[in-house]
PDB file of N, CA and C in Angstrom:
ATOM      1  N   MET A   1       0.838  -1.164   0.000  1.00  0.00           N
ATOM      2  CA  MET A   1       0.000   0.000   0.000  1.00  0.00           C
ATOM      3  C   MET A   1       0.891   1.237   0.000  1.00  0.00           C
ATOM      4  N   ASN A   2       0.568   2.196  -0.826  1.00  0.00           N
ATOM      5  CA  ASN A   2       1.369   3.417  -0.830  1.00  0.00           C
ATOM      6  C   ASN A   2       0.901   4.352   0.287  1.00  0.00           C
ATOM      7  N   SER A   3       1.635   5.420   0.508  1.00  0.00           N
ATOM      8  CA  SER A   3       1.344   6.311   1.635  1.00  0.00           C
ATOM      9  C   SER A   3      -0.009   7.010   1.484  1.00  0.00           C
ATOM     10  N   ARG A   4      -0.409   7.319   0.271  1.00  0.00           N
ATOM     11  CA  ARG A   4      -1.705   7.974   0.082  1.00  0.00           C
ATOM     12  C   ARG A   4      -2.838   7.011   0.433  1.00  0.00           C
ATOM     13  N   SER A   5      -2.766   5.782   0.009  1.00  0.00           N
ATOM     14  CA  SER A   5      -3.793   4.787   0.331  1.00  0.00           C
ATOM     15  C   SER A   5      -3.858   4.556   1.836  1.00  0.00           C
ATOM     16  N   THR A   6      -2.709   4.518   2.470  1.00  0.00           N
ATOM     17  CA  THR A   6      -2.661   4.335   3.919  1.00  0.00           C
ATOM     18  C   THR A   6      -3.322   5.508   4.627  1.00  0.00           C
ATOM     19  N   LEU A   7      -3.050   6.713   4.169  1.00  0.00           N
ATOM     20  CA  LEU A   7      -3.633   7.906   4.764  1.00  0.00           C
ATOM     21  C   LEU A   7      -5.155   7.932   4.592  1.00  0.00           C
ATOM     22  N   VAL A   8      -5.632   7.550   3.419  1.00  0.00           N
ATOM     23  CA  VAL A   8      -7.082   7.504   3.165  1.00  0.00           C
ATOM     24  C   VAL A   8      -7.737   6.450   4.057  1.00  0.00           C
ATOM     25  N   ALA A   9      -7.116   5.282   4.161  1.00  0.00           N
ATOM     26  CA  ALA A   9      -7.666   4.216   5.001  1.00  0.00           C
ATOM     27  C   ALA A   9      -7.700   4.646   6.466  1.00  0.00           C
ATOM     28  N   LEU A  10      -6.644   5.291   6.927  1.00  0.00           N
ATOM     29  CA  LEU A  10      -6.589   5.757   8.305  1.00  0.00           C
ATOM     30  C   LEU A  10      -7.649   6.829   8.556  1.00  0.00           C
ATOM     31  N   GLY A  11      -7.819   7.747   7.634  1.00  0.00           N
ATOM     32  CA  GLY A  11      -8.837   8.789   7.761  1.00  0.00           C
ATOM     33  C   GLY A  11     -10.232   8.212   7.818  1.00  0.00           C
ATOM     34  N   THR A  12     -10.483   7.202   6.998  1.00  0.00           N
ATOM     35  CA  THR A  12     -11.794   6.541   6.989  1.00  0.00           C
ATOM     36  C   THR A  12     -12.068   5.875   8.330  1.00  0.00           C
ATOM     37  N   LEU A  13     -11.073   5.196   8.888  1.00  0.00           N
ATOM     38  CA  LEU A  13     -11.242   4.532  10.178  1.00  0.00           C
ATOM     39  C   LEU A  13     -11.499   5.540  11.298  1.00  0.00           C
ATOM     40  N   VAL A  14     -10.795   6.650  11.274  1.00  0.00           N
ATOM     41  CA  VAL A  14     -10.982   7.673  12.301  1.00  0.00           C
ATOM     42  C   VAL A  14     -12.396   8.252  12.220  1.00  0.00           C
ATOM     43  N   CYS A  15     -12.867   8.544  11.029  1.00  0.00           N
ATOM     44  CA  CYS A  15     -14.217   9.086  10.858  1.00  0.00           C
ATOM     45  C   CYS A  15     -15.280   8.075  11.290  1.00  0.00           C
ATOM     46  N   ALA A  16     -15.081   6.825  10.957  1.00  0.00           N
ATOM     47  CA  ALA A  16     -16.043   5.787  11.349  1.00  0.00           C
ATOM     48  C   ALA A  16     -16.070   5.635  12.863  1.00  0.00           C
ATOM     49  N   ALA A  17     -14.911   5.662  13.501  1.00  0.00           N
ATOM     50  CA  ALA A  17     -14.845   5.530  14.957  1.00  0.00           C
ATOM     51  C   ALA A  17     -15.490   6.734  15.641  1.00  0.00           C
ATOM     52  N   ALA A  18     -15.327   7.916  15.099  1.00  0.00           N
ATOM     53  CA  ALA A  18     -15.913   9.117  15.690  1.00  0.00           C
ATOM     54  C   ALA A  18     -17.432   9.037  15.681  1.00  0.00           C
ATOM     55  N   ASN A  19     -18.010   8.445  14.655  1.00  0.00           N
ATOM     56  CA  ASN A  19     -19.464   8.303  14.580  1.00  0.00           C
ATOM     57  C   ASN A  19     -20.001   7.374  15.650  1.00  0.00           C
ATOM     58  N   LEU A  20     -19.232   6.404  16.085  1.00  0.00           N
ATOM     59  CA  LEU A  20     -19.680   5.476  17.110  1.00  0.00           C
ATOM     60  C   LEU A  20     -19.928   6.172  18.440  1.00  0.00           C
ATOM     61  N   PHE A  21     -19.140   7.190  18.751  1.00  0.00           N
ATOM     62  CA  PHE A  21     -19.303   7.887  20.013  1.00  0.00           C
ATOM     63  C   PHE A  21     -20.550   8.761  20.033  1.00  0.00           C
ATOM     64  N   GLY A  22     -21.155   9.027  18.897  1.00  0.00           N
ATOM     65  CA  GLY A  22     -22.359   9.833  18.830  1.00  0.00           C
ATOM     66  C   GLY A  22     -23.624   9.056  19.148  1.00  0.00           C
ATOM     67  N   GLN A  23     -23.521   7.763  19.272  1.00  0.00           N
ATOM     68  CA  GLN A  23     -24.679   6.925  19.534  1.00  0.00           C
ATOM     69  C   GLN A  23     -24.953   6.874  21.034  1.00  0.00           C
ATOM     70  N   SER A  24     -26.224   6.825  21.403  1.00  0.00           N
ATOM     71  CA  SER A  24     -26.603   6.747  22.808  1.00  0.00           C
ATOM     72  C   SER A  24     -27.910   5.978  22.925  1.00  0.00           C
ATOM     73  N   SER A  25     -28.080   5.277  24.039  1.00  0.00           N
ATOM     74  CA  SER A  25     -29.315   4.535  24.244  1.00  0.00           C
ATOM     75  C   SER A  25     -30.252   5.265  25.196  1.00  0.00           C
ATOM     76  N   THR A  26     -29.892   6.498  25.572  1.00  0.00           N
ATOM     77  CA  THR A  26     -30.759   7.308  26.420  1.00  0.00           C
ATOM     78  C   THR A  26     -30.935   8.692  25.806  1.00  0.00           C
ATOM     79  N   GLY A  27     -31.930   9.370  26.269  1.00  0.00           N
ATOM     80  CA  GLY A  27     -32.186  10.713  25.761  1.00  0.00           C
ATOM     81  C   GLY A  27     -32.703  11.620  26.860  1.00  0.00           C
ATOM     82  N   SER A  28     -33.093  12.802  26.478  1.00  0.00           N
ATOM     83  CA  SER A  28     -33.619  13.754  27.455  1.00  0.00           C
ATOM     84  C   SER A  28     -34.752  14.566  26.825  1.00  0.00           C
ATOM     85  N   ILE A  29     -35.573  15.129  27.686  1.00  0.00           N
ATOM     86  CA  ILE A  29     -36.651  16.018  27.268  1.00  0.00           C
ATOM     87  C   ILE A  29     -36.491  17.304  28.055  1.00  0.00           C
ATOM     88  N   THR A  30     -36.536  18.434  27.371  1.00  0.00           N
ATOM     89  CA  THR A  30     -36.503  19.732  28.043  1.00  0.00           C
ATOM     90  C   THR A  30     -37.723  20.526  27.608  1.00  0.00           C
ATOM     91  N   GLY A  31     -38.161  21.414  28.463  1.00  0.00           N
ATOM     92  CA  GLY A  31     -39.322  22.207  28.095  1.00  0.00           C
ATOM     93  C   GLY A  31     -39.589  23.334  29.060  1.00  0.00           C
ATOM     94  N   LEU A  32     -40.677  24.006  28.827  1.00  0.00           N
ATOM     95  CA  LEU A  32     -41.110  25.151  29.622  1.00  0.00           C
ATOM     96  C   LEU A  32     -42.575  24.943  29.977  1.00  0.00           C
ATOM     97  N   VAL A  33     -42.892  25.079  31.263  1.00  0.00           N
ATOM     98  CA  VAL A  33     -44.277  24.958  31.719  1.00  0.00           C
ATOM     99  C   VAL A  33     -44.857  26.367  31.821  1.00  0.00           C
ATOM    100  N   SER A  34     -45.974  26.587  31.121  1.00  0.00           N
ATOM    101  CA  SER A  34     -46.635  27.898  31.175  1.00  0.00           C
ATOM    102  C   SER A  34     -48.145  27.702  31.125  1.00  0.00           C
ATOM    103  N   ASP A  35     -48.866  28.730  31.561  1.00  0.00           N
ATOM    104  CA  ASP A  35     -50.324  28.660  31.517  1.00  0.00           C
ATOM    105  C   ASP A  35     -50.839  29.245  30.197  1.00  0.00           C
ATOM    106  N   ALA A  36     -52.145  29.315  30.055  1.00  0.00           N
ATOM    107  CA  ALA A  36     -52.751  29.773  28.801  1.00  0.00           C
ATOM    108  C   ALA A  36     -52.381  31.208  28.443  1.00  0.00           C
ATOM    109  N   SER A  37     -52.058  32.018  29.437  1.00  0.00           N
ATOM    110  CA  SER A  37     -51.692  33.407  29.164  1.00  0.00           C
ATOM    111  C   SER A  37     -50.202  33.560  28.841  1.00  0.00           C
ATOM    112  N   GLY A  38     -49.448  32.465  28.979  1.00  0.00           N
ATOM    113  CA  GLY A  38     -48.014  32.506  28.694  1.00  0.00           C
ATOM    114  C   GLY A  38     -47.152  32.708  29.922  1.00  0.00           C
ATOM    115  N   ALA A  39     -47.770  32.877  31.096  1.00  0.00           N
ATOM    116  CA  ALA A  39     -47.003  33.036  32.328  1.00  0.00           C
ATOM    117  C   ALA A  39     -46.367  31.698  32.704  1.00  0.00           C
ATOM    118  N   VAL A  40     -45.097  31.732  33.124  1.00  0.00           N
ATOM    119  CA  VAL A  40     -44.410  30.490  33.483  1.00  0.00           C
ATOM    120  C   VAL A  40     -44.919  29.976  34.819  1.00  0.00           C
ATOM    121  N   ILE A  41     -44.832  28.672  35.003  1.00  0.00           N
ATOM    122  CA  ILE A  41     -45.287  28.036  36.231  1.00  0.00           C
ATOM    123  C   ILE A  41     -44.084  27.385  36.901  1.00  0.00           C
ATOM    124  N   ALA A  42     -43.698  27.929  38.037  1.00  0.00           N
ATOM    125  CA  ALA A  42     -42.594  27.381  38.820  1.00  0.00           C
ATOM    126  C   ALA A  42     -43.118  26.273  39.728  1.00  0.00           C
ATOM    127  N   GLY A  43     -42.307  25.241  39.930  1.00  0.00           N
ATOM    128  CA  GLY A  43     -42.664  24.175  40.856  1.00  0.00           C
ATOM    129  C   GLY A  43     -43.666  23.171  40.322  1.00  0.00           C
ATOM    130  N   ALA A  44     -43.900  23.144  39.020  1.00  0.00           N
ATOM    131  CA  ALA A  44     -44.836  22.181  38.437  1.00  0.00           C
ATOM    132  C   ALA A  44     -44.163  20.812  38.326  1.00  0.00           C
ATOM    133  N   LYS A  45     -44.892  19.769  38.650  1.00  0.00           N
ATOM    134  CA  LYS A  45     -44.371  18.403  38.528  1.00  0.00           C
ATOM    135  C   LYS A  45     -44.572  17.944  37.092  1.00  0.00           C
ATOM    136  N   VAL A  46     -43.476  17.503  36.452  1.00  0.00           N
ATOM    137  CA  VAL A  46     -43.507  17.023  35.074  1.00  0.00           C
ATOM    138  C   VAL A  46     -43.162  15.543  35.102  1.00  0.00           C
ATOM    139  N   THR A  47     -43.982  14.717  34.449  1.00  0.00           N
ATOM    140  CA  THR A  47     -43.787  13.269  34.468  1.00  0.00           C
ATOM    141  C   THR A  47     -43.760  12.719  33.053  1.00  0.00           C
ATOM    142  N   ALA A  48     -42.810  11.819  32.801  1.00  0.00           N
ATOM    143  CA  ALA A  48     -42.755  11.081  31.537  1.00  0.00           C
ATOM    144  C   ALA A  48     -42.827   9.598  31.879  1.00  0.00           C
ATOM    145  N   LYS A  49     -43.651   8.860  31.151  1.00  0.00           N
ATOM    146  CA  LYS A  49     -43.802   7.430  31.399  1.00  0.00           C
ATOM    147  C   LYS A  49     -43.509   6.657  30.123  1.00  0.00           C
ATOM    148  N   ASN A  50     -42.624   5.674  30.215  1.00  0.00           N
ATOM    149  CA  ASN A  50     -42.350   4.768  29.112  1.00  0.00           C
ATOM    150  C   ASN A  50     -43.480   3.743  29.108  1.00  0.00           C
ATOM    151  N   VAL A  51     -44.333   3.781  28.093  1.00  0.00           N
ATOM    152  CA  VAL A  51     -45.502   2.906  28.070  1.00  0.00           C
ATOM    153  C   VAL A  51     -45.130   1.445  27.843  1.00  0.00           C
ATOM    154  N   ASN A  52     -43.926   1.196  27.328  1.00  0.00           N
ATOM    155  CA  ASN A  52     -43.500  -0.192  27.111  1.00  0.00           C
ATOM    156  C   ASN A  52     -43.013  -0.850  28.393  1.00  0.00           C
ATOM    157  N   THR A  53     -42.329  -0.080  29.253  1.00  0.00           N
ATOM    158  CA  THR A  53     -41.737  -0.650  30.466  1.00  0.00           C
ATOM    159  C   THR A  53     -42.423  -0.189  31.738  1.00  0.00           C
ATOM    160  N   GLY A  54     -43.209   0.871  31.661  1.00  0.00           N
ATOM    161  CA  GLY A  54     -43.843   1.432  32.847  1.00  0.00           C
ATOM    162  C   GLY A  54     -42.915   2.325  33.657  1.00  0.00           C
ATOM    163  N   GLU A  55     -41.675   2.504  33.205  1.00  0.00           N
ATOM    164  CA  GLU A  55     -40.715   3.340  33.918  1.00  0.00           C
ATOM    165  C   GLU A  55     -41.171   4.796  33.904  1.00  0.00           C
ATOM    166  N   ILE A  56     -41.104   5.444  35.061  1.00  0.00           N
ATOM    167  CA  ILE A  56     -41.541   6.831  35.204  1.00  0.00           C
ATOM    168  C   ILE A  56     -40.346   7.703  35.579  1.00  0.00           C
ATOM    169  N   SER A  57     -40.228   8.851  34.914  1.00  0.00           N
ATOM    170  CA  SER A  57     -39.208   9.854  35.235  1.00  0.00           C
ATOM    171  C   SER A  57     -39.929  11.143  35.578  1.00  0.00           C
ATOM    172  N   GLU A  58     -39.459  11.812  36.641  1.00  0.00           N
ATOM    173  CA  GLU A  58     -40.116  13.033  37.088  1.00  0.00           C
ATOM    174  C   GLU A  58     -39.119  14.173  37.243  1.00  0.00           C
ATOM    175  N   SER A  59     -39.628  15.379  37.118  1.00  0.00           N
ATOM    176  CA  SER A  59     -38.846  16.590  37.322  1.00  0.00           C
ATOM    177  C   SER A  59     -39.784  17.662  37.846  1.00  0.00           C
ATOM    178  N   ILE A  60     -39.204  18.692  38.442  1.00  0.00           N
ATOM    179  CA  ILE A  60     -39.960  19.854  38.916  1.00  0.00           C
ATOM    180  C   ILE A  60     -39.464  21.065  38.136  1.00  0.00           C
ATOM    181  N   SER A  61     -40.383  21.867  37.629  1.00  0.00           N
ATOM    182  CA  SER A  61     -39.975  23.049  36.869  1.00  0.00           C
ATOM    183  C   SER A  61     -39.296  24.062  37.786  1.00  0.00           C
ATOM    184  N   SER A  62     -38.327  24.756  37.229  1.00  0.00           N
ATOM    185  CA  SER A  62     -37.549  25.743  37.982  1.00  0.00           C
ATOM    186  C   SER A  62     -38.356  27.031  38.170  1.00  0.00           C
ATOM    187  N   GLY A  63     -37.736  28.005  38.792  1.00  0.00           N
ATOM    188  CA  GLY A  63     -38.376  29.304  38.990  1.00  0.00           C
ATOM    189  C   GLY A  63     -38.710  30.001  37.691  1.00  0.00           C
ATOM    190  N   THR A  64     -38.030  29.616  36.617  1.00  0.00           N
ATOM    191  CA  THR A  64     -38.318  30.198  35.297  1.00  0.00           C
ATOM    192  C   THR A  64     -39.224  29.295  34.459  1.00  0.00           C
ATOM    193  N   GLY A  65     -39.746  28.225  35.073  1.00  0.00           N
ATOM    194  CA  GLY A  65     -40.662  27.316  34.385  1.00  0.00           C
ATOM    195  C   GLY A  65     -39.996  26.235  33.561  1.00  0.00           C
ATOM    196  N   ASN A  66     -38.667  26.199  33.532  1.00  0.00           N
ATOM    197  CA  ASN A  66     -37.949  25.201  32.734  1.00  0.00           C
ATOM    198  C   ASN A  66     -37.828  23.871  33.474  1.00  0.00           C
ATOM    199  N   TYR A  67     -37.843  22.783  32.716  1.00  0.00           N
ATOM    200  CA  TYR A  67     -37.627  21.457  33.294  1.00  0.00           C
ATOM    201  C   TYR A  67     -36.742  20.636  32.375  1.00  0.00           C
ATOM    202  N   VAL A  68     -36.114  19.609  32.954  1.00  0.00           N
ATOM    203  CA  VAL A  68     -35.275  18.681  32.199  1.00  0.00           C
ATOM    204  C   VAL A  68     -35.510  17.287  32.750  1.00  0.00           C
ATOM    205  N   LEU A  69     -35.784  16.356  31.884  1.00  0.00           N
ATOM    206  CA  LEU A  69     -35.852  14.932  32.220  1.00  0.00           C
ATOM    207  C   LEU A  69     -34.680  14.271  31.506  1.00  0.00           C
ATOM    208  N   VAL A  70     -33.760  13.663  32.254  1.00  0.00           N
ATOM    209  CA  VAL A  70     -32.549  13.088  31.657  1.00  0.00           C
ATOM    210  C   VAL A  70     -32.488  11.579  31.887  1.00  0.00           C
ATOM    211  N   GLY A  71     -31.651  10.923  31.100  1.00  0.00           N
ATOM    212  CA  GLY A  71     -31.440   9.490  31.246  1.00  0.00           C
ATOM    213  C   GLY A  71     -32.641   8.645  30.852  1.00  0.00           C
ATOM    214  N   LEU A  72     -33.448   9.154  29.933  1.00  0.00           N
ATOM    215  CA  LEU A  72     -34.644   8.417  29.503  1.00  0.00           C
ATOM    216  C   LEU A  72     -34.244   7.314  28.527  1.00  0.00           C
ATOM    217  N   ARG A  73     -34.712   6.115  28.787  1.00  0.00           N
ATOM    218  CA  ARG A  73     -34.427   5.005  27.878  1.00  0.00           C
ATOM    219  C   ARG A  73     -35.290   5.105  26.633  1.00  0.00           C
ATOM    220  N   VAL A  74     -34.810   4.540  25.557  1.00  0.00           N
ATOM    221  CA  VAL A  74     -35.528   4.554  24.297  1.00  0.00           C
ATOM    222  C   VAL A  74     -36.852   3.821  24.445  1.00  0.00           C
ATOM    223  N   GLY A  75     -37.905   4.369  23.894  1.00  0.00           N
ATOM    224  CA  GLY A  75     -39.218   3.728  23.943  1.00  0.00           C
ATOM    225  C   GLY A  75     -40.309   4.737  23.678  1.00  0.00           C
ATOM    226  N   ALA A  76     -41.521   4.246  23.733  1.00  0.00           N
ATOM    227  CA  ALA A  76     -42.689   5.121  23.514  1.00  0.00           C
ATOM    228  C   ALA A  76     -43.138   5.734  24.821  1.00  0.00           C
TER     229      ALA A  76
END
């Protein structure tokens, strides 16, 4: 193999390996809790339920109405 072929092969392997690190089996949901007038709601309980496993994740909205649910497994 000449040096150019080696360099191309090495570049391809590096790019392929970099794509593997982008994969994840968990996700997150972020959002804002507000009422019909658009005012934010602090301290609201937010719940997500995986209907396949029954697993429940909960969060409380912040003083600005924002919430984050992290570490959610893939599912409906």
